[in-house]
Amino acid sequence: MSSRELALYIHAMMVACMDPRDFYGENLVQELRRRTEASGNYTNPFQILVLCNAGDTMTSKDVDRVTVTYDSQHRPFWT
C-alpha cells in the first residue's frame, strides 16, 4: 500500500469514528509518520494534513515541507 493510500485509509477511519492508532493492533498514524520521515525531500502535503487531523505532533520540518511545496506551485510567471 502506498503512503497516499495509507493516508486515505486513516482519514476514512477517522470519519467512521475508528481509531487509526489501533487498527487490529497496528498504529497506522505511526506508520504514516515513519514513511513521511523516510521520504526525503518531498512529501505530499496531503500526508501532513492527515497526520495533523489524526492528532500527530507537527514539527517545523512538516511546516517547511508544506511551505516549499506551496511555494513551488505558486510562483509569479516572470521568475
Protein backbone atom coordinates (compact mmCIF):
# COMPACT_ATOMS: atom_id res chain seq x y z
CA MET A 1 0.00 0.00 0.00
CA SER A 2 1.35 3.41 -0.91
CA SER A 3 1.70 6.24 1.60
CA ARG A 4 -1.08 8.11 -0.18
CA GLU A 5 -3.43 5.14 0.15
CA LEU A 6 -2.48 4.76 3.81
CA ALA A 7 -3.34 8.43 4.36
CA LEU A 8 -6.73 7.91 2.70
CA TYR A 9 -7.44 4.91 4.93
CA ILE A 10 -6.54 6.91 8.05
CA HIS A 11 -8.92 9.71 7.04
CA ALA A 12 -11.68 7.20 6.28
CA MET A 13 -11.22 5.55 9.66
CA MET A 14 -11.49 8.88 11.47
CA VAL A 15 -14.70 9.70 9.57
CA ALA A 16 -16.10 6.34 10.70
CA CYS A 17 -15.10 7.13 14.31
CA MET A 18 -12.48 4.36 14.31
CA ASP A 19 -9.07 4.74 15.92
CA PRO A 20 -6.31 4.62 13.29
CA ARG A 21 -3.80 4.23 16.13
CA ASP A 22 -5.24 0.81 16.95
CA PHE A 23 -6.27 -0.96 13.76
CA TYR A 24 -6.07 -4.63 14.73
CA GLY A 25 -3.10 -3.76 16.90
CA GLU A 26 -1.36 -1.65 14.25
CA ASN A 27 -0.71 2.08 14.65
CA LEU A 28 -1.39 3.41 11.15
CA VAL A 29 -0.62 7.01 12.16
CA GLN A 30 2.82 5.98 13.38
CA GLU A 31 3.41 4.07 10.13
CA LEU A 32 2.46 7.11 8.04
CA ARG A 33 4.77 9.28 10.16
CA ARG A 34 7.61 6.79 9.63
CA ARG A 35 7.05 6.82 5.87
CA THR A 36 6.82 10.60 5.79
CA GLU A 37 10.12 10.98 7.62
CA ALA A 38 11.80 8.42 5.35
CA SER A 39 10.57 10.03 2.14
CA GLY A 40 13.41 12.56 1.99
CA ASN A 41 12.97 15.97 0.44
CA TYR A 42 9.45 15.73 -0.99
CA THR A 43 6.32 14.86 0.94
CA ASN A 44 2.78 15.10 -0.36
CA PRO A 45 1.11 17.85 1.73
CA PHE A 46 -1.97 15.61 1.98
CA GLN A 47 0.04 13.25 4.18
CA ILE A 48 0.94 16.12 6.52
CA LEU A 49 -2.74 17.12 6.67
CA VAL A 50 -3.73 13.56 7.61
CA LEU A 51 -1.10 13.44 10.34
CA CYS A 52 -2.35 16.77 11.70
CA ASN A 53 -6.01 15.64 11.61
CA ALA A 54 -5.04 12.43 13.39
CA GLY A 55 -3.55 14.48 16.23
CA ASP A 56 0.09 13.75 15.48
CA THR A 57 2.61 16.36 16.59
CA MET A 58 3.54 18.76 13.80
CA THR A 59 7.21 19.61 13.52
CA SER A 60 8.92 22.58 11.93
CA LYS A 61 10.11 20.16 9.24
CA ASP A 62 6.46 19.37 8.43
CA VAL A 63 5.65 23.06 8.07
CA ASP A 64 8.74 23.57 5.89
CA ARG A 65 7.72 20.70 3.60
CA VAL A 66 4.25 22.14 3.07
CA THR A 67 5.62 25.66 2.57
CA VAL A 68 8.19 24.50 0.00
CA THR A 69 5.52 22.59 -1.92
CA TYR A 70 3.18 25.57 -1.89
CA ASP A 71 5.89 28.00 -2.97
CA SER A 72 6.97 25.74 -5.83
CA GLN A 73 3.43 25.81 -7.25
CA HIS A 74 2.63 29.50 -6.74
CA ARG A 75 5.49 31.48 -8.22
CA PRO A 76 4.89 34.56 -10.34
CA PHE A 77 5.24 33.70 -14.02
CA TRP A 78 8.22 36.06 -14.51
CA THR A 79 10.58 34.23 -12.13
